[in-house]
Protein backbone atom coordinates (compact mmCIF):
# COMPACT_ATOMS: atom_id res chain seq x y z
CA MET A 1 33.39 -12.08 -7.43
CA GLU A 2 31.21 -10.17 -9.91
CA GLN A 3 28.65 -7.58 -8.81
CA ARG A 4 25.87 -9.79 -10.19
CA GLU A 5 26.97 -12.71 -8.00
CA ALA A 6 27.12 -10.35 -5.02
CA TYR A 7 23.46 -9.43 -5.57
CA ILE A 8 22.53 -13.12 -5.57
CA ILE A 9 24.38 -13.76 -2.29
CA LEU A 10 22.81 -10.70 -0.66
CA ASN A 11 19.41 -12.01 -1.70
CA MET A 12 20.18 -15.32 0.04
CA ILE A 13 21.03 -13.74 3.41
CA GLU A 14 18.13 -14.30 5.79
CA GLY A 15 16.90 -11.12 7.44
CA LEU A 16 18.37 -8.79 4.79
CA GLY A 17 15.78 -7.04 2.66
CA PRO A 18 15.74 -4.79 -0.42
CA VAL A 19 15.58 -1.49 1.48
CA SER A 20 18.59 -2.35 3.63
CA VAL A 21 20.53 -3.50 0.55
CA ARG A 22 19.78 -0.20 -1.19
CA ARG A 23 20.98 1.77 1.84
CA LEU A 24 24.12 -0.36 2.11
CA ILE A 25 24.92 0.22 -1.56
CA GLU A 26 24.39 3.95 -1.06
CA ALA A 27 26.83 3.89 1.88
CA LEU A 28 29.45 1.49 0.52
CA GLY A 29 29.20 1.90 -3.25
CA SER A 30 28.33 -1.56 -4.60
CA PRO A 31 26.87 -4.99 -3.76
CA LYS A 32 30.36 -6.49 -3.77
CA ALA A 33 31.56 -3.90 -1.26
CA ILE A 34 28.85 -5.03 1.17
CA LEU A 35 30.27 -8.54 1.16
CA GLU A 36 33.79 -7.22 1.77
CA ALA A 37 32.92 -4.73 4.52
CA ASP A 38 33.59 -5.21 8.22
CA ARG A 39 31.03 -4.64 10.96
CA GLU A 40 31.80 -0.94 11.47
CA GLU A 41 31.58 -0.23 7.74
CA LEU A 42 28.25 -2.05 7.45
CA MET A 43 26.81 -0.06 10.34
CA LYS A 44 27.54 3.21 8.52
CA ALA A 45 24.45 2.54 6.38
CA ARG A 46 21.25 4.17 7.58
CA GLY A 47 19.07 1.71 9.49
CA VAL A 48 21.72 -1.03 9.68
CA GLY A 49 22.41 -1.86 13.31
CA GLU A 50 24.75 -4.33 14.93
CA LYS A 51 22.24 -7.20 14.74
CA LEU A 52 21.80 -6.95 10.95
CA ALA A 53 25.52 -6.37 10.42
CA LEU A 54 26.28 -9.59 12.30
CA LYS A 55 23.73 -11.51 10.22
CA ILE A 56 25.52 -10.41 7.08
CA LEU A 57 28.95 -11.28 8.47
CA VAL A 58 27.88 -14.70 9.75
CA GLN A 59 26.06 -15.82 6.60
CA ARG A 60 27.94 -14.32 3.66
CA ASP A 61 30.96 -16.64 3.65
CA ASP A 62 28.79 -19.76 3.66
CA LEU A 63 26.80 -18.77 0.58
CA ASP A 64 27.86 -19.65 -2.97
CA ALA A 65 26.25 -17.76 -5.86
CA GLY A 66 27.66 -20.12 -8.47
CA GLU A 67 26.17 -23.14 -6.74
CA GLU A 68 22.77 -21.40 -6.50
CA ILE A 69 22.90 -20.48 -10.20
CA ASP A 70 23.73 -24.09 -11.16
CA ARG A 71 20.95 -25.52 -8.96
CA ALA A 72 18.49 -23.13 -10.51
CA ALA A 73 19.64 -23.94 -14.04
CA ASP A 74 19.04 -27.64 -13.39
CA LEU A 75 15.40 -26.71 -12.68
CA GLY A 76 15.07 -24.54 -15.79
CA ILE A 77 15.27 -21.36 -13.70
CA ARG A 78 17.43 -18.29 -14.34
CA ILE A 79 18.41 -15.73 -11.69
CA ILE A 80 18.39 -12.10 -12.76
CA THR A 81 19.50 -9.00 -10.88
CA PRO A 82 19.06 -5.24 -11.38
CA LEU A 83 22.22 -5.39 -13.52
CA ASP A 84 20.53 -7.63 -16.11
CA ASP A 85 18.62 -6.24 -19.09
CA GLU A 86 15.76 -8.67 -18.41
CA TYR A 87 15.14 -7.20 -14.95
CA PRO A 88 11.83 -5.28 -15.27
CA GLN A 89 12.25 -1.53 -15.44
CA ALA A 90 8.92 -1.08 -13.67
CA LEU A 91 10.29 -2.72 -10.52
CA LYS A 92 13.31 -0.42 -10.39
CA SER A 93 10.99 2.50 -9.65
CA ILE A 94 9.33 1.05 -6.53
CA HIS A 95 10.51 1.68 -2.97
CA ASP A 96 11.76 -1.85 -2.36
CA PRO A 97 12.65 -3.59 -5.64
CA PRO A 98 13.67 -7.25 -5.36
CA ILE A 99 17.39 -7.84 -4.90
CA ALA A 100 17.15 -10.70 -7.39
CA LEU A 101 14.45 -12.55 -9.29
CA TYR A 102 14.24 -16.27 -10.04
CA VAL A 103 12.58 -16.66 -13.43
CA LYS A 104 11.11 -19.71 -15.14
CA GLY A 105 10.03 -18.64 -18.59
CA ARG A 106 10.78 -15.24 -20.09
CA LEU A 107 10.25 -11.63 -19.09
CA LEU A 108 9.89 -9.44 -22.18
CA GLN A 109 9.87 -5.73 -22.82
CA ALA A 110 6.26 -6.18 -23.97
CA ASP A 111 5.41 -7.08 -20.36
CA GLU A 112 5.68 -3.39 -19.48
CA LYS A 113 2.10 -3.22 -20.75
CA ALA A 114 0.73 -5.26 -17.86
CA LEU A 115 -2.31 -5.29 -15.62
CA ALA A 116 -2.55 -7.20 -12.34
CA MET A 117 -5.65 -9.09 -11.33
CA VAL A 118 -6.12 -10.14 -7.72
CA GLY A 119 -8.92 -11.34 -5.48
CA SER A 120 -10.08 -13.82 -2.91
CA ARG A 121 -8.97 -17.44 -2.89
CA SER A 122 -12.56 -18.41 -2.02
CA THR A 123 -14.16 -16.23 -4.66
CA SER A 124 -17.70 -16.70 -5.93
CA HIS A 125 -18.75 -18.08 -9.29
CA TYR A 126 -19.34 -14.48 -10.33
CA GLY A 127 -15.79 -13.57 -9.34
CA LEU A 128 -14.25 -16.53 -11.16
CA ASN A 129 -16.16 -15.74 -14.34
CA ALA A 130 -15.18 -12.07 -14.14
CA ALA A 131 -11.50 -12.91 -13.61
CA ASP A 132 -11.51 -15.34 -16.53
CA ARG A 133 -13.34 -12.93 -18.82
CA PHE A 134 -11.28 -9.81 -18.10
CA ALA A 135 -8.00 -11.74 -18.29
CA TYR A 136 -9.03 -13.23 -21.63
CA GLN A 137 -9.99 -9.84 -23.02
CA LEU A 138 -6.87 -8.13 -21.70
CA GLY A 139 -4.74 -10.86 -23.25
CA GLN A 140 -6.42 -10.34 -26.60
CA THR A 141 -5.73 -6.61 -26.34
CA GLY A 142 -2.02 -7.19 -25.82
CA PHE A 143 -1.80 -6.82 -22.04
CA THR A 144 0.26 -9.16 -19.91
CA VAL A 145 -1.86 -10.38 -17.00
CA VAL A 146 -0.02 -10.50 -13.67
CA SER A 147 -1.28 -12.46 -10.67
CA GLY A 148 -0.11 -14.66 -7.82
CA LEU A 149 -0.96 -18.28 -8.81
CA ALA A 150 -3.11 -18.68 -5.70
CA ARG A 151 -6.36 -20.61 -5.67
CA GLY A 152 -9.51 -18.85 -6.81
CA THR A 153 -9.17 -15.50 -8.55
CA ASP A 154 -5.47 -15.82 -9.42
CA THR A 155 -5.96 -19.21 -11.04
CA ALA A 156 -8.92 -17.97 -13.09
CA ALA A 157 -6.95 -14.90 -14.22
CA HIS A 158 -3.93 -16.92 -15.37
CA MET A 159 -6.15 -19.42 -17.20
CA GLY A 160 -8.11 -16.67 -18.93
CA ALA A 161 -4.90 -15.09 -20.19
CA LEU A 162 -3.55 -18.43 -21.39
CA LYS A 163 -6.76 -19.16 -23.30
CA SER A 164 -6.41 -15.82 -25.10
CA LYS A 165 -2.92 -16.87 -26.26
CA GLY A 166 -1.66 -13.81 -24.39
CA ARG A 167 1.11 -13.53 -21.83
CA THR A 168 0.79 -13.95 -18.10
CA ILE A 169 3.20 -13.68 -15.17
CA ALA A 170 2.79 -15.53 -11.87
CA VAL A 171 4.52 -13.98 -8.85
CA LEU A 172 5.05 -16.57 -6.12
CA GLY A 173 5.05 -16.16 -2.36
CA GLY A 174 7.82 -18.74 -1.97
CA ALA A 175 10.62 -20.27 -4.01
CA ILE A 176 9.82 -21.66 -7.45
CA ASP A 177 10.99 -25.11 -6.37
CA CYS A 178 8.56 -24.98 -3.41
CA LEU A 179 5.50 -24.22 -5.52
CA TYR A 180 2.31 -23.41 -3.66
CA PRO A 181 -0.44 -24.45 -4.03
CA PRO A 182 0.87 -27.78 -5.31
CA GLU A 183 -2.23 -28.45 -7.42
CA ASN A 184 -1.22 -25.52 -9.65
CA ALA A 185 2.04 -27.16 -10.72
CA GLU A 186 0.74 -27.96 -14.20
CA LEU A 187 -0.68 -24.45 -14.57
CA ALA A 188 2.71 -23.03 -13.58
CA GLU A 189 4.36 -25.03 -16.36
CA GLN A 190 1.88 -23.63 -18.88
CA ILE A 191 2.51 -20.11 -17.63
CA ALA A 192 6.29 -20.58 -17.98
CA LYS A 193 5.78 -21.50 -21.65
CA GLN A 194 3.53 -18.50 -22.33
CA GLY A 195 5.02 -15.95 -19.94
CA ALA A 196 6.95 -16.35 -16.70
CA VAL A 197 6.78 -17.74 -13.19
CA ILE A 198 8.90 -15.56 -10.91
CA SER A 199 9.95 -15.30 -7.28
CA GLU A 200 12.36 -13.18 -5.27
CA TYR A 201 12.98 -16.05 -2.86
CA PRO A 202 16.06 -18.32 -3.01
CA LEU A 203 15.64 -22.00 -3.75
CA GLY A 204 14.16 -23.96 -0.88
CA ARG A 205 12.30 -21.05 0.73
CA GLN A 206 8.80 -22.15 1.70
CA ALA A 207 5.95 -19.64 1.51
CA ASP A 208 4.46 -18.43 4.78
CA ARG A 209 2.19 -15.75 6.19
CA MET A 210 4.93 -13.15 5.86
CA THR A 211 6.07 -13.90 2.33
CA PHE A 212 2.65 -13.76 0.68
CA PRO A 213 1.84 -10.15 1.66
CA TYR A 214 5.40 -9.06 0.85
CA ARG A 215 5.34 -10.44 -2.68
CA ASN A 216 2.20 -8.38 -3.40
CA ARG A 217 4.32 -5.29 -3.99
CA ILE A 218 5.91 -7.13 -6.94
CA ILE A 219 2.52 -7.99 -8.44
CA SER A 220 1.49 -4.33 -8.37
CA GLY A 221 4.98 -3.07 -9.20
CA LEU A 222 5.12 -5.03 -12.45
CA SER A 223 1.78 -3.59 -13.54
CA MET A 224 0.34 -0.35 -14.82
CA GLY A 225 -2.77 -0.98 -12.77
CA VAL A 226 -4.45 -3.49 -10.47
CA LEU A 227 -7.98 -4.87 -10.85
CA LEU A 228 -9.51 -6.17 -7.63
CA ILE A 229 -12.17 -8.81 -8.31
CA GLU A 230 -13.46 -9.82 -4.85
CA SER A 231 -12.02 -9.40 -1.38
CA ALA A 232 -12.91 -8.87 2.23
CA VAL A 233 -12.00 -5.46 3.61
CA LYS A 234 -8.88 -6.91 5.22
CA GLY A 235 -8.09 -9.52 2.59
CA GLY A 236 -4.62 -10.10 1.19
CA SER A 237 -5.70 -8.69 -2.15
CA MET A 238 -6.40 -5.38 -0.46
CA HIS A 239 -2.69 -5.24 0.42
CA THR A 240 -1.91 -5.44 -3.30
CA ALA A 241 -4.34 -2.59 -4.02
CA GLU A 242 -2.76 -0.52 -1.24
CA ALA A 243 0.72 -1.23 -2.64
CA ALA A 244 -0.51 -0.16 -6.08
CA MET A 245 -1.71 3.16 -4.68
CA GLU A 246 1.63 3.73 -2.95
CA GLN A 247 3.43 2.96 -6.21
CA GLY A 248 1.26 5.34 -8.22
CA ARG A 249 -0.54 2.61 -10.17
CA THR A 250 -4.18 2.84 -11.23
CA VAL A 251 -6.55 0.81 -9.06
CA PHE A 252 -9.69 -0.72 -10.55
CA ALA A 253 -12.44 -2.57 -8.69
CA LEU A 254 -15.28 -4.84 -9.73
CA PRO A 255 -18.61 -4.03 -8.08
CA GLY A 256 -20.55 -6.87 -6.51
CA ARG A 257 -23.73 -7.61 -4.61
CA ILE A 258 -24.05 -5.64 -1.41
CA ASP A 259 -24.93 -8.77 0.57
CA THR A 260 -21.75 -10.69 -0.31
CA PRO A 261 -18.55 -10.45 1.77
CA GLY A 262 -16.40 -10.43 -1.36
CA ALA A 263 -17.91 -7.14 -2.49
CA ARG A 264 -16.85 -5.22 0.59
CA GLY A 265 -13.21 -4.78 -0.39
CA PRO A 266 -13.90 -3.56 -3.94
CA HIS A 267 -16.71 -1.29 -2.73
CA MET A 268 -14.41 0.29 -0.14
CA LEU A 269 -11.83 0.96 -2.84
CA ILE A 270 -14.46 2.50 -5.11
CA LYS A 271 -15.56 4.80 -2.28
CA ASN A 272 -11.95 5.84 -1.88
CA GLY A 273 -11.38 6.65 -5.54
CA ALA A 274 -10.71 3.36 -7.34
CA LYS A 275 -12.24 3.13 -10.79
CA LEU A 276 -15.39 1.02 -11.00
CA VAL A 277 -15.09 -1.58 -13.76
CA GLU A 278 -18.06 -3.09 -15.57
CA THR A 279 -16.56 -3.72 -19.01
CA LEU A 280 -13.15 -3.96 -20.61
CA ASP A 281 -13.55 -0.42 -21.96
CA ASP A 282 -13.48 0.92 -18.39
CA ILE A 283 -9.89 -0.32 -18.21
CA LEU A 284 -8.78 0.41 -21.77
CA GLU A 285 -9.83 4.06 -21.68
CA GLU A 286 -7.13 4.62 -19.05
CA TYR A 287 -4.49 3.37 -21.49
CA GLU A 288 -5.73 4.52 -24.89
CA PHE A 289 -2.32 6.04 -25.64
CA LEU A 290 -0.84 2.51 -25.61
CA ILE A 291 -3.46 0.67 -27.66
CA PRO A 292 -3.90 0.85 -31.45
CA ALA A 293 -7.47 1.72 -32.43
CA ALA A 294 -8.01 -1.69 -34.03
CA GLU A 295 -7.31 -3.38 -30.72
CA MET A 296 -9.85 -1.29 -28.82
CA ASP A 297 -12.60 -3.52 -30.19
CA ALA A 298 -11.55 -6.59 -28.21
CA PRO A 299 -14.37 -9.06 -27.64
CA GLU A 300 -16.40 -8.35 -24.52
CA SER A 301 -18.31 -11.57 -24.26
CA ALA A 302 -18.31 -15.24 -24.94
CA ALA A 303 -20.58 -14.63 -27.92
CA ALA A 304 -18.20 -12.10 -29.47
CA ALA A 305 -15.22 -14.36 -28.86
CA ARG A 306 -16.82 -17.31 -30.65
CA PRO A 307 -17.88 -16.18 -34.13
CA ASP A 308 -18.11 -19.86 -35.08
CA VAL A 309 -21.27 -20.15 -32.94
CA PRO A 310 -24.08 -18.27 -34.75
CA LEU A 311 -26.40 -16.64 -32.20
CA SER A 312 -29.59 -14.68 -32.54
CA GLY A 313 -30.07 -11.39 -30.72
CA GLU A 314 -31.98 -13.04 -27.86
CA GLU A 315 -29.42 -15.82 -27.60
CA SER A 316 -26.58 -13.29 -27.39
CA ARG A 317 -28.39 -11.44 -24.60
CA ILE A 318 -28.75 -14.67 -22.63
CA VAL A 319 -25.07 -15.54 -23.08
CA GLU A 320 -24.16 -12.05 -21.86
CA ALA A 321 -26.30 -12.52 -18.76
CA LEU A 322 -24.87 -15.97 -18.00
CA TRP A 323 -21.35 -14.73 -18.52
CA GLN A 324 -21.68 -12.90 -15.20
CA GLU A 325 -22.83 -15.98 -13.26
CA PRO A 326 -25.17 -18.98 -13.57
CA MET A 327 -28.84 -18.17 -13.07
CA ASP A 328 -32.00 -20.10 -12.33
CA ILE A 329 -34.50 -20.12 -15.17
CA ASP A 330 -37.07 -17.92 -13.40
CA SER A 331 -34.52 -15.22 -12.65
CA LEU A 332 -33.19 -15.42 -16.19
CA ALA A 333 -36.70 -15.03 -17.60
CA ARG A 334 -37.24 -11.90 -15.52
CA ALA A 335 -33.87 -10.48 -16.52
CA MET A 336 -34.58 -11.10 -20.20
CA GLU A 337 -38.21 -9.92 -19.86
CA LEU A 338 -39.38 -13.14 -21.48
CA LYS A 339 -42.18 -15.53 -20.65
CA SER A 340 -41.09 -18.94 -19.38
CA HIS A 341 -42.15 -20.79 -22.49
CA GLU A 342 -40.37 -18.26 -24.74
CA LEU A 343 -37.17 -18.65 -22.73
CA SER A 344 -37.41 -22.44 -22.71
CA GLY A 345 -37.40 -22.56 -26.49
CA ILE A 346 -34.34 -20.31 -26.70
CA LEU A 347 -32.51 -22.31 -24.04
CA LEU A 348 -33.20 -25.52 -25.90
CA GLY A 349 -31.59 -24.04 -29.00
CA LEU A 350 -28.56 -22.91 -27.01
CA GLU A 351 -28.18 -26.36 -25.48
CA MET A 352 -28.29 -27.92 -28.93
CA LYS A 353 -25.51 -25.53 -29.96
CA ARG A 354 -23.57 -26.62 -26.85
CA VAL A 355 -23.44 -23.03 -25.63
CA ILE A 356 -25.18 -23.63 -22.27
CA ARG A 357 -26.06 -26.48 -20.00
CA THR A 358 -28.82 -26.90 -17.43
CA LEU A 359 -27.94 -28.08 -13.94
CA PRO A 360 -30.11 -29.55 -11.19
CA GLY A 361 -32.40 -26.98 -9.64
CA ARG A 362 -33.14 -25.39 -13.04
CA ILE A 363 -29.81 -23.56 -12.97
CA VAL A 364 -28.39 -22.52 -16.33
CA GLU A 365 -24.69 -21.84 -16.98
CA LEU A 366 -22.36 -21.51 -19.94
CA SER A 367 -21.03 -24.84 -21.19
CA GLU A 368 -17.48 -26.05 -20.75
CA ASP A 369 -17.27 -26.36 -24.54
CA LEU A 370 -17.90 -22.65 -24.94
CA LYS A 371 -15.34 -21.73 -22.27
CA ALA A 372 -12.78 -24.08 -23.80
CA GLY A 373 -13.36 -22.37 -27.12
CA PHE A 374 -11.54 -19.31 -25.86
CA GLY A 375 -8.32 -21.11 -26.51
CA ASN A 376 -9.17 -21.73 -30.17
């Protein structure tokens, strides 16, 4: 048996985690030695008691690395270990790096320049727009966007990165062949073509309440920093921010309205030292040493990203305002300091250019055509 295959078997043993594997290797010398050790030898490792030693002994002989590799290959998935060049260097530095990673797509050295984006599954329209916008801009600036493929913020972040033609990595809370949520299956396929879908869990492992929080350390570990969009104070995304702090990553937070639950998590982080983010520059200035000067002028708005749509100064201001969230016409008029009839004329022009659309209740939002244009 090769050491690489030993890593894969160790990763398949239920109840055996990365920290215990590291301690076992320290005590016994190699992954292969763990699978050849008897109970007394296993228990020499710090923190490994009789119960865990028995789990290893009972399970190890029934597991076949070659069979797991073949099953994964049939699904277009590769299994990498810390012995493989493709295994991310950034993960090797965290306290509990994955024993193995199942990868659909490709992990590249360029992915070392990565930023994670996380937030609530039930995020607001404001949060969705912010996730889409920042992911798009980061992708254009050469960052890989890392998130968790969950509903809400994660989905918006992955889609924004894809539209920028940039790279994105989805870190799953279960096995790749047990994709959750199922409605993101098509999105996962797109991500695999333009980045990677990864998981530390063996084939067949369903996601549960324990696996989701645990995978968050991989999201932050792959990244130079984490941007929190919206979250309750005790939301799952806060766990990712906490993991980022423990790993020495930069934590960014998007401010929100004080009367919305989703603002409480980011505001708490800001109070505790996270960097408040209003524009892309707030993120880029932390990483200027990595970014060529020409790339520092990445588009900051829908208007800047669509030079094919000629806009006047007033029109650009309105697009900027609507980029944050849809607004009713009266509120938009006040924000723009325009009279209603002046605004109506400008909005008509924007509708004719297919930049905005008006919804029932006199609500104005950016058009789907404009958003779709990010992929052009």
